[in-house]
Amino acid sequence: MEKPQTPNISSEDFVSQIRSLVEKAESEAIVLRILGGLAIRIHCSAFLNLLQKLGRETQVADVDVITNGEQQERVEPFFKKNGYNPEPRVRRTPAIWAYRQIYVEPRNRFNVDVFTDKLEMSHTLDLRDRLKTDFPTISIADLLLAKMQIQEINEKDIKDTIVLMRAHELADSDKECINGVYIAGLMSKDWGFYHTVTNNLKKTKLLLQDYAIEQSDKNDVISKVDRLLALIENEPKTSGFKIRARIGERKKWYNEVDETIRDVQDWR
């Protein structure tokens, strides 16, 4: 099967189509939540101009969603019923399919990648108890962590983080806010995760200075990054965190992305 082409579909129609799919799943008691750039676009609709200035308002060739492992057997029949067919090469590869199902949109314009329970990249972001926190996406705090947990972070993830933080306040809840208390609590238990996230937040501040956006936008994001870093640092750390912190970078603190996952990214 050929790789889907860049969709000949407007951003608005693309969002509408994925929203409709998630809503249909919800009506059948199947939990699907949108991840990644599309989720950020949904939550940052008032800052589309900032996405454009940063070169991130582009058409998307695929979308990521996540489901609950308890419902995984219902996912394939649901997608097939709605005209989305499993990508044959992935379906025939159990090592990939167990982690990541991929479905091709009926008109072959984009893929839908379906993760289960967790995002396992440089670190493991376990979302089993968080999937119903927001709708139709995962929570804003988890969207932020999904970007900031990447050890070899790229510029598009930095830019997405800038927009996400500019569009939302830092608070102690998940109601259209960045839940700093949740993030700080999670970081307090895992030095490796903490180390990657805090390093990437600092990189975000540095790279932010180079972008041709309003100084008021820069100041707002810098202030929120500093406040989030302070929350993380001030959160009491577990004994496991402290023991691992003594070892530091002498031992690798992040996971290598599985080769099977890289294979999917290479041919897509």
C-alpha atoms as a PDB file:
ATOM      1  CA  MET A   1       0.000   0.000   0.000  1.00  0.00           C
ATOM      2  CA  GLU A   2       1.267   3.464  -0.838  1.00  0.00           C
ATOM      3  CA  LYS A   3       1.955   5.967   1.876  1.00  0.00           C
ATOM      4  CA  PRO A   4      -0.939   8.444   2.220  1.00  0.00           C
ATOM      5  CA  GLN A   5      -0.343  11.749   0.517  1.00  0.00           C
ATOM      6  CA  THR A   6      -0.599  15.138   2.185  1.00  0.00           C
ATOM      7  CA  PRO A   7      -4.366  15.472   2.557  1.00  0.00           C
ATOM      8  CA  ASN A   8      -6.230  17.578   0.044  1.00  0.00           C
ATOM      9  CA  ILE A   9      -8.416  18.759   2.878  1.00  0.00           C
ATOM     10  CA  SER A  10      -8.676  22.034   4.759  1.00  0.00           C
ATOM     11  CA  SER A  11      -7.468  22.233   8.344  1.00  0.00           C
ATOM     12  CA  GLU A  12     -11.027  22.876   9.488  1.00  0.00           C
ATOM     13  CA  ASP A  13     -12.374  19.809   7.675  1.00  0.00           C
ATOM     14  CA  PHE A  14      -9.523  17.693   8.962  1.00  0.00           C
ATOM     15  CA  VAL A  15     -10.252  18.680  12.575  1.00  0.00           C
ATOM     16  CA  SER A  16     -13.965  18.134  11.996  1.00  0.00           C
ATOM     17  CA  GLN A  17     -13.428  14.649  10.564  1.00  0.00           C
ATOM     18  CA  ILE A  18     -11.238  13.493  13.447  1.00  0.00           C
ATOM     19  CA  ARG A  19     -13.562  15.049  16.026  1.00  0.00           C
ATOM     20  CA  SER A  20     -16.471  13.189  14.444  1.00  0.00           C
ATOM     21  CA  LEU A  21     -14.560   9.914  14.624  1.00  0.00           C
ATOM     22  CA  VAL A  22     -13.748  10.413  18.313  1.00  0.00           C
ATOM     23  CA  GLU A  23     -17.352  11.383  19.052  1.00  0.00           C
ATOM     24  CA  LYS A  24     -18.653   8.249  17.290  1.00  0.00           C
ATOM     25  CA  ALA A  25     -16.287   6.156  19.398  1.00  0.00           C
ATOM     26  CA  GLU A  26     -17.516   7.897  22.541  1.00  0.00           C
ATOM     27  CA  SER A  27     -21.121   7.146  21.610  1.00  0.00           C
ATOM     28  CA  GLU A  28     -20.164   3.457  21.491  1.00  0.00           C
ATOM     29  CA  ALA A  29     -18.331   3.642  24.837  1.00  0.00           C
ATOM     30  CA  ILE A  30     -14.917   3.399  23.152  1.00  0.00           C
ATOM     31  CA  VAL A  31     -12.374   5.829  24.533  1.00  0.00           C
ATOM     32  CA  LEU A  32     -10.305   7.587  21.856  1.00  0.00           C
ATOM     33  CA  ARG A  33      -8.378  10.753  22.597  1.00  0.00           C
ATOM     34  CA  ILE A  34      -6.414  12.887  20.140  1.00  0.00           C
ATOM     35  CA  LEU A  35      -2.676  13.437  20.656  1.00  0.00           C
ATOM     36  CA  GLY A  36       0.046  15.583  19.152  1.00  0.00           C
ATOM     37  CA  GLY A  37      -0.115  18.574  16.851  1.00  0.00           C
ATOM     38  CA  LEU A  38      -3.785  18.213  15.997  1.00  0.00           C
ATOM     39  CA  ALA A  39      -4.726  18.176  19.689  1.00  0.00           C
ATOM     40  CA  ILE A  40      -2.647  21.301  20.228  1.00  0.00           C
ATOM     41  CA  ARG A  41      -4.391  23.000  17.326  1.00  0.00           C
ATOM     42  CA  ILE A  42      -7.780  22.143  18.855  1.00  0.00           C
ATOM     43  CA  HIS A  43      -6.810  23.612  22.220  1.00  0.00           C
ATOM     44  CA  CYS A  44      -5.035  26.664  20.782  1.00  0.00           C
ATOM     45  CA  SER A  45      -7.614  27.884  18.264  1.00  0.00           C
ATOM     46  CA  ALA A  46      -7.331  31.434  19.605  1.00  0.00           C
ATOM     47  CA  PHE A  47      -3.605  31.419  18.811  1.00  0.00           C
ATOM     48  CA  LEU A  48      -3.614  30.130  15.243  1.00  0.00           C
ATOM     49  CA  ASN A  49      -1.766  33.290  14.231  1.00  0.00           C
ATOM     50  CA  LEU A  50       1.088  32.299  16.536  1.00  0.00           C
ATOM     51  CA  LEU A  51       1.144  28.812  15.026  1.00  0.00           C
ATOM     52  CA  GLN A  52       1.382  30.463  11.607  1.00  0.00           C
ATOM     53  CA  LYS A  53       4.227  32.769  12.650  1.00  0.00           C
ATOM     54  CA  LEU A  54       6.134  29.764  13.938  1.00  0.00           C
ATOM     55  CA  GLY A  55       5.493  27.803  10.740  1.00  0.00           C
ATOM     56  CA  ARG A  56       3.352  25.180  12.464  1.00  0.00           C
ATOM     57  CA  GLU A  57       0.011  25.885  10.768  1.00  0.00           C
ATOM     58  CA  THR A  58       0.444  23.247   8.104  1.00  0.00           C
ATOM     59  CA  GLN A  59      -1.654  20.419   6.741  1.00  0.00           C
ATOM     60  CA  VAL A  60      -1.202  17.178   8.627  1.00  0.00           C
ATOM     61  CA  ALA A  61      -0.576  13.814   6.923  1.00  0.00           C
ATOM     62  CA  ASP A  62      -1.499  11.715   9.946  1.00  0.00           C
ATOM     63  CA  VAL A  63      -3.097  11.917  13.362  1.00  0.00           C
ATOM     64  CA  ASP A  64      -2.305  10.151  16.628  1.00  0.00           C
ATOM     65  CA  VAL A  65      -4.935   8.923  19.073  1.00  0.00           C
ATOM     66  CA  ILE A  66      -4.806   6.771  22.182  1.00  0.00           C
ATOM     67  CA  THR A  67      -7.235   4.225  23.572  1.00  0.00           C
ATOM     68  CA  ASN A  68      -7.748   2.189  26.710  1.00  0.00           C
ATOM     69  CA  GLY A  69      -6.158  -1.260  26.685  1.00  0.00           C
ATOM     70  CA  GLU A  70      -9.332  -2.821  28.070  1.00  0.00           C
ATOM     71  CA  GLN A  71     -11.106  -1.795  24.854  1.00  0.00           C
ATOM     72  CA  GLN A  72      -8.334  -2.621  22.388  1.00  0.00           C
ATOM     73  CA  GLU A  73     -10.203  -5.562  20.827  1.00  0.00           C
ATOM     74  CA  ARG A  74     -13.078  -3.239  19.920  1.00  0.00           C
ATOM     75  CA  VAL A  75     -10.876  -0.714  18.141  1.00  0.00           C
ATOM     76  CA  GLU A  76     -10.259  -2.601  14.884  1.00  0.00           C
ATOM     77  CA  PRO A  77     -13.956  -3.420  14.268  1.00  0.00           C
ATOM     78  CA  PHE A  78     -14.832   0.215  15.016  1.00  0.00           C
ATOM     79  CA  PHE A  79     -12.368   1.617  12.501  1.00  0.00           C
ATOM     80  CA  LYS A  80     -13.302  -0.904   9.821  1.00  0.00           C
ATOM     81  CA  LYS A  81     -16.997  -0.079  10.269  1.00  0.00           C
ATOM     82  CA  ASN A  82     -16.148   3.568   9.623  1.00  0.00           C
ATOM     83  CA  GLY A  83     -14.145   2.801   6.486  1.00  0.00           C
ATOM     84  CA  TYR A  84     -10.645   2.967   7.989  1.00  0.00           C
ATOM     85  CA  ASN A  85      -8.628  -0.119   7.055  1.00  0.00           C
ATOM     86  CA  PRO A  86      -5.618  -1.488   8.950  1.00  0.00           C
ATOM     87  CA  GLU A  87      -2.313  -0.724   7.254  1.00  0.00           C
ATOM     88  CA  PRO A  88      -1.395  -4.208   5.923  1.00  0.00           C
ATOM     89  CA  ARG A  89       2.324  -4.169   6.676  1.00  0.00           C
ATOM     90  CA  VAL A  90       1.747  -3.078  10.257  1.00  0.00           C
ATOM     91  CA  ARG A  91      -1.169  -5.492  10.736  1.00  0.00           C
ATOM     92  CA  ARG A  92       1.086  -8.374   9.701  1.00  0.00           C
ATOM     93  CA  THR A  93       3.784  -7.357  12.224  1.00  0.00           C
ATOM     94  CA  PRO A  94       2.708  -8.384  15.746  1.00  0.00           C
ATOM     95  CA  ALA A  95       5.621  -6.574  17.426  1.00  0.00           C
ATOM     96  CA  ILE A  96       4.337  -3.279  16.042  1.00  0.00           C
ATOM     97  CA  TRP A  97       0.596  -3.978  16.119  1.00  0.00           C
ATOM     98  CA  ALA A  98       0.645  -4.752  19.854  1.00  0.00           C
ATOM     99  CA  TYR A  99       2.008  -1.285  20.519  1.00  0.00           C
ATOM    100  CA  ARG A 100       0.635   0.801  17.704  1.00  0.00           C
ATOM    101  CA  GLN A 101      -2.246   0.144  15.351  1.00  0.00           C
ATOM    102  CA  ILE A 102      -2.382   2.156  12.133  1.00  0.00           C
ATOM    103  CA  TYR A 103      -5.492   2.726  10.031  1.00  0.00           C
ATOM    104  CA  VAL A 104      -5.753   4.327   6.607  1.00  0.00           C
ATOM    105  CA  GLU A 105      -8.490   6.904   6.014  1.00  0.00           C
ATOM    106  CA  PRO A 106     -11.133   5.751   3.493  1.00  0.00           C
ATOM    107  CA  ARG A 107      -9.801   8.059   0.748  1.00  0.00           C
ATOM    108  CA  ASN A 108      -6.149   7.280   1.555  1.00  0.00           C
ATOM    109  CA  ARG A 109      -5.463  10.891   2.534  1.00  0.00           C
ATOM    110  CA  PHE A 110      -4.021  10.267   5.992  1.00  0.00           C
ATOM    111  CA  ASN A 111      -3.290   7.639   8.631  1.00  0.00           C
ATOM    112  CA  VAL A 112      -4.693   7.317  12.126  1.00  0.00           C
ATOM    113  CA  ASP A 113      -2.129   5.902  14.563  1.00  0.00           C
ATOM    114  CA  VAL A 114      -3.713   4.311  17.625  1.00  0.00           C
ATOM    115  CA  PHE A 115      -1.621   3.927  20.777  1.00  0.00           C
ATOM    116  CA  THR A 116      -2.784   1.944  23.809  1.00  0.00           C
ATOM    117  CA  ASP A 117      -2.643   3.125  27.442  1.00  0.00           C
ATOM    118  CA  LYS A 118       0.852   4.627  27.276  1.00  0.00           C
ATOM    119  CA  LEU A 119       3.161   6.741  25.168  1.00  0.00           C
ATOM    120  CA  GLU A 120       6.474   4.894  25.332  1.00  0.00           C
ATOM    121  CA  MET A 121       9.158   6.999  23.761  1.00  0.00           C
ATOM    122  CA  SER A 122      12.185   8.465  25.584  1.00  0.00           C
ATOM    123  CA  HIS A 123      10.130   7.976  28.753  1.00  0.00           C
ATOM    124  CA  THR A 124       6.823   6.286  29.532  1.00  0.00           C
ATOM    125  CA  LEU A 125       3.807   8.538  29.924  1.00  0.00           C
ATOM    126  CA  ASP A 126       1.139   6.284  31.421  1.00  0.00           C
ATOM    127  CA  LEU A 127      -2.291   7.682  30.548  1.00  0.00           C
ATOM    128  CA  ARG A 128      -4.535   4.811  31.653  1.00  0.00           C
ATOM    129  CA  ASP A 129      -6.038   6.835  34.490  1.00  0.00           C
ATOM    130  CA  ARG A 130      -5.963  10.118  32.568  1.00  0.00           C
ATOM    131  CA  LEU A 131      -7.788   9.355  29.320  1.00  0.00           C
ATOM    132  CA  LYS A 132     -11.128  10.683  30.521  1.00  0.00           C
ATOM    133  CA  THR A 133      -9.629  13.878  31.950  1.00  0.00           C
ATOM    134  CA  ASP A 134     -10.366  15.808  28.761  1.00  0.00           C
ATOM    135  CA  PHE A 135     -12.274  15.442  25.484  1.00  0.00           C
ATOM    136  CA  PRO A 136     -11.680  15.028  22.538  1.00  0.00           C
ATOM    137  CA  THR A 137      -7.955  15.184  23.361  1.00  0.00           C
ATOM    138  CA  ILE A 138      -5.755  14.074  26.226  1.00  0.00           C
ATOM    139  CA  SER A 139      -5.261  16.753  28.877  1.00  0.00           C
ATOM    140  CA  ILE A 140      -3.203  19.856  28.174  1.00  0.00           C
ATOM    141  CA  ALA A 141      -0.641  18.873  30.817  1.00  0.00           C
ATOM    142  CA  ASP A 142      -0.221  15.474  29.175  1.00  0.00           C
ATOM    143  CA  LEU A 143       0.081  17.114  25.743  1.00  0.00           C
ATOM    144  CA  LEU A 144       2.906  19.207  27.171  1.00  0.00           C
ATOM    145  CA  LEU A 145       4.639  16.192  28.722  1.00  0.00           C
ATOM    146  CA  ALA A 146       4.302  14.226  25.482  1.00  0.00           C
ATOM    147  CA  LYS A 147       6.369  16.938  23.785  1.00  0.00           C
ATOM    148  CA  MET A 148       8.836  17.614  26.601  1.00  0.00           C
ATOM    149  CA  GLN A 149       9.647  13.924  27.271  1.00  0.00           C
ATOM    150  CA  ILE A 150      11.516  13.577  23.962  1.00  0.00           C
ATOM    151  CA  GLN A 151      15.240  13.291  24.654  1.00  0.00           C
ATOM    152  CA  GLU A 152      16.313  14.289  21.140  1.00  0.00           C
ATOM    153  CA  ILE A 153      13.661  16.973  20.865  1.00  0.00           C
ATOM    154  CA  ASN A 154      13.188  18.713  17.539  1.00  0.00           C
ATOM    155  CA  GLU A 155      12.178  22.244  16.725  1.00  0.00           C
ATOM    156  CA  LYS A 156       8.575  21.479  15.832  1.00  0.00           C
ATOM    157  CA  ASP A 157       8.011  20.094  19.336  1.00  0.00           C
ATOM    158  CA  ILE A 158       9.578  23.216  20.834  1.00  0.00           C
ATOM    159  CA  LYS A 159       7.287  25.413  18.734  1.00  0.00           C
ATOM    160  CA  ASP A 160       4.206  23.400  19.680  1.00  0.00           C
ATOM    161  CA  THR A 161       5.164  23.767  23.332  1.00  0.00           C
ATOM    162  CA  ILE A 162       5.508  27.531  22.957  1.00  0.00           C
ATOM    163  CA  VAL A 163       1.997  27.847  21.521  1.00  0.00           C
ATOM    164  CA  LEU A 164       0.498  25.441  24.049  1.00  0.00           C
ATOM    165  CA  MET A 165       1.974  27.399  26.954  1.00  0.00           C
ATOM    166  CA  ARG A 166       1.051  30.769  25.482  1.00  0.00           C
ATOM    167  CA  ALA A 167      -2.567  29.686  25.079  1.00  0.00           C
ATOM    168  CA  HIS A 168      -3.069  28.336  28.612  1.00  0.00           C
ATOM    169  CA  GLU A 169      -2.591  29.367  32.194  1.00  0.00           C
ATOM    170  CA  LEU A 170      -0.607  27.354  34.713  1.00  0.00           C
ATOM    171  CA  ALA A 171      -2.960  26.078  37.425  1.00  0.00           C
ATOM    172  CA  ASP A 172      -3.742  23.206  39.770  1.00  0.00           C
ATOM    173  CA  SER A 173      -6.484  21.695  37.602  1.00  0.00           C
ATOM    174  CA  ASP A 174      -6.978  20.290  34.103  1.00  0.00           C
ATOM    175  CA  LYS A 175      -9.879  22.573  33.133  1.00  0.00           C
ATOM    176  CA  GLU A 176      -8.394  24.135  29.975  1.00  0.00           C
ATOM    177  CA  CYS A 177      -5.217  24.781  31.986  1.00  0.00           C
ATOM    178  CA  ILE A 178      -1.736  23.328  32.341  1.00  0.00           C
ATOM    179  CA  ASN A 179      -1.945  21.328  35.563  1.00  0.00           C
ATOM    180  CA  GLY A 180       1.401  22.210  37.102  1.00  0.00           C
ATOM    181  CA  VAL A 181       0.662  20.325  40.317  1.00  0.00           C
ATOM    182  CA  TYR A 182       0.120  17.097  38.371  1.00  0.00           C
ATOM    183  CA  ILE A 183       3.304  17.612  36.341  1.00  0.00           C
ATOM    184  CA  ALA A 184       5.404  18.397  39.425  1.00  0.00           C
ATOM    185  CA  GLY A 185       4.064  15.327  41.223  1.00  0.00           C
ATOM    186  CA  LEU A 186       4.884  13.066  38.295  1.00  0.00           C
ATOM    187  CA  MET A 187       8.386  14.491  37.956  1.00  0.00           C
ATOM    188  CA  SER A 188       9.095  14.011  41.671  1.00  0.00           C
ATOM    189  CA  LYS A 189       9.014  10.221  41.251  1.00  0.00           C
ATOM    190  CA  ASP A 190      11.326   9.727  38.264  1.00  0.00           C
ATOM    191  CA  TRP A 191      14.672  11.513  37.976  1.00  0.00           C
ATOM    192  CA  GLY A 192      15.174  10.511  34.351  1.00  0.00           C
ATOM    193  CA  PHE A 193      11.803  11.862  33.244  1.00  0.00           C
ATOM    194  CA  TYR A 194      12.417  14.985  35.343  1.00  0.00           C
ATOM    195  CA  HIS A 195      15.855  15.506  33.821  1.00  0.00           C
ATOM    196  CA  THR A 196      14.619  15.335  30.230  1.00  0.00           C
ATOM    197  CA  VAL A 197      11.555  17.504  30.828  1.00  0.00           C
ATOM    198  CA  THR A 198      13.364  20.238  32.757  1.00  0.00           C
ATOM    199  CA  ASN A 199      16.196  20.323  30.206  1.00  0.00           C
ATOM    200  CA  ASN A 200      13.670  20.688  27.392  1.00  0.00           C
ATOM    201  CA  LEU A 201      11.763  23.427  29.188  1.00  0.00           C
ATOM    202  CA  LYS A 202      15.053  25.329  29.473  1.00  0.00           C
ATOM    203  CA  LYS A 203      15.757  24.730  25.766  1.00  0.00           C
ATOM    204  CA  THR A 204      12.313  26.123  24.990  1.00  0.00           C
ATOM    205  CA  LYS A 205      13.199  29.351  26.785  1.00  0.00           C
ATOM    206  CA  LEU A 206      16.466  29.656  24.879  1.00  0.00           C
ATOM    207  CA  LEU A 207      15.076  28.945  21.407  1.00  0.00           C
ATOM    208  CA  LEU A 208      12.105  31.192  22.033  1.00  0.00           C
ATOM    209  CA  GLN A 209      14.389  34.224  21.821  1.00  0.00           C
ATOM    210  CA  ASP A 210      15.238  33.458  18.183  1.00  0.00           C
ATOM    211  CA  TYR A 211      11.679  33.453  16.832  1.00  0.00           C
ATOM    212  CA  ALA A 212      10.060  36.426  15.116  1.00  0.00           C
ATOM    213  CA  ILE A 213       7.045  36.669  17.404  1.00  0.00           C
ATOM    214  CA  GLU A 214       5.762  39.418  19.678  1.00  0.00           C
ATOM    215  CA  GLN A 215       7.832  40.144  22.775  1.00  0.00           C
ATOM    216  CA  SER A 216       4.655  39.954  24.845  1.00  0.00           C
ATOM    217  CA  ASP A 217       4.206  36.359  23.693  1.00  0.00           C
ATOM    218  CA  LYS A 218       7.816  35.559  24.583  1.00  0.00           C
ATOM    219  CA  ASN A 219       7.500  37.134  28.014  1.00  0.00           C
ATOM    220  CA  ASP A 220       4.309  35.224  28.748  1.00  0.00           C
ATOM    221  CA  VAL A 221       5.832  31.852  27.855  1.00  0.00           C
ATOM    222  CA  ILE A 222       9.086  32.557  29.712  1.00  0.00           C
ATOM    223  CA  SER A 223       7.128  33.456  32.842  1.00  0.00           C
ATOM    224  CA  LYS A 224       5.107  30.232  32.665  1.00  0.00           C
ATOM    225  CA  VAL A 225       8.184  28.075  32.015  1.00  0.00           C
ATOM    226  CA  ASP A 226       9.930  29.633  35.035  1.00  0.00           C
ATOM    227  CA  ARG A 227       6.892  29.066  37.240  1.00  0.00           C
ATOM    228  CA  LEU A 228       6.531  25.464  36.081  1.00  0.00           C
ATOM    229  CA  LEU A 229      10.225  24.787  36.689  1.00  0.00           C
ATOM    230  CA  ALA A 230       9.875  26.255  40.178  1.00  0.00           C
ATOM    231  CA  LEU A 231       6.877  24.014  40.900  1.00  0.00           C
ATOM    232  CA  ILE A 232       8.835  20.977  39.739  1.00  0.00           C
ATOM    233  CA  GLU A 233      11.917  21.860  41.764  1.00  0.00           C
ATOM    234  CA  ASN A 234       9.954  22.631  44.938  1.00  0.00           C
ATOM    235  CA  GLU A 235       7.964  19.387  44.891  1.00  0.00           C
ATOM    236  CA  PRO A 236       9.316  16.942  47.513  1.00  0.00           C
ATOM    237  CA  LYS A 237      11.138  14.103  45.772  1.00  0.00           C
ATOM    238  CA  THR A 238      10.748  10.385  46.444  1.00  0.00           C
ATOM    239  CA  SER A 239      13.591   8.271  47.798  1.00  0.00           C
ATOM    240  CA  GLY A 240      13.836   6.527  44.416  1.00  0.00           C
ATOM    241  CA  PHE A 241      14.253   9.892  42.705  1.00  0.00           C
ATOM    242  CA  LYS A 242      17.025  10.920  45.114  1.00  0.00           C
ATOM    243  CA  ILE A 243      18.921   7.650  44.705  1.00  0.00           C
ATOM    244  CA  ARG A 244      18.788   7.889  40.897  1.00  0.00           C
ATOM    245  CA  ALA A 245      19.749  11.569  40.984  1.00  0.00           C
ATOM    246  CA  ARG A 246      23.057  10.677  42.672  1.00  0.00           C
ATOM    247  CA  ILE A 247      24.002   8.586  39.626  1.00  0.00           C
ATOM    248  CA  GLY A 248      22.974  11.341  37.226  1.00  0.00           C
ATOM    249  CA  GLU A 249      24.075  11.156  33.598  1.00  0.00           C
ATOM    250  CA  ARG A 250      26.692   8.503  34.307  1.00  0.00           C
ATOM    251  CA  LYS A 251      23.906   6.051  33.482  1.00  0.00           C
ATOM    252  CA  LYS A 252      21.533   6.535  30.559  1.00  0.00           C
ATOM    253  CA  TRP A 253      18.298   8.021  31.892  1.00  0.00           C
ATOM    254  CA  TYR A 254      16.059   7.641  28.840  1.00  0.00           C
ATOM    255  CA  ASN A 255      14.854   4.857  26.562  1.00  0.00           C
ATOM    256  CA  GLU A 256      15.919   4.373  22.982  1.00  0.00           C
ATOM    257  CA  VAL A 257      12.964   4.409  20.595  1.00  0.00           C
ATOM    258  CA  ASP A 258      12.213   0.806  19.633  1.00  0.00           C
ATOM    259  CA  GLU A 259      13.584  -0.138  16.212  1.00  0.00           C
ATOM    260  CA  THR A 260      10.189  -1.444  15.084  1.00  0.00           C
ATOM    261  CA  ILE A 261       8.690   1.971  15.735  1.00  0.00           C
ATOM    262  CA  ARG A 262      11.516   3.604  13.761  1.00  0.00           C
ATOM    263  CA  ASP A 263      10.780   1.218  10.892  1.00  0.00           C
ATOM    264  CA  VAL A 264       7.207   2.493  10.715  1.00  0.00           C
ATOM    265  CA  GLN A 265       8.381   6.087  10.696  1.00  0.00           C
ATOM    266  CA  ASP A 266      10.921   5.379   7.948  1.00  0.00           C
ATOM    267  CA  TRP A 267       8.524   3.951   5.381  1.00  0.00           C
ATOM    268  CA  ARG A 268       5.544   6.171   6.126  1.00  0.00           C
END
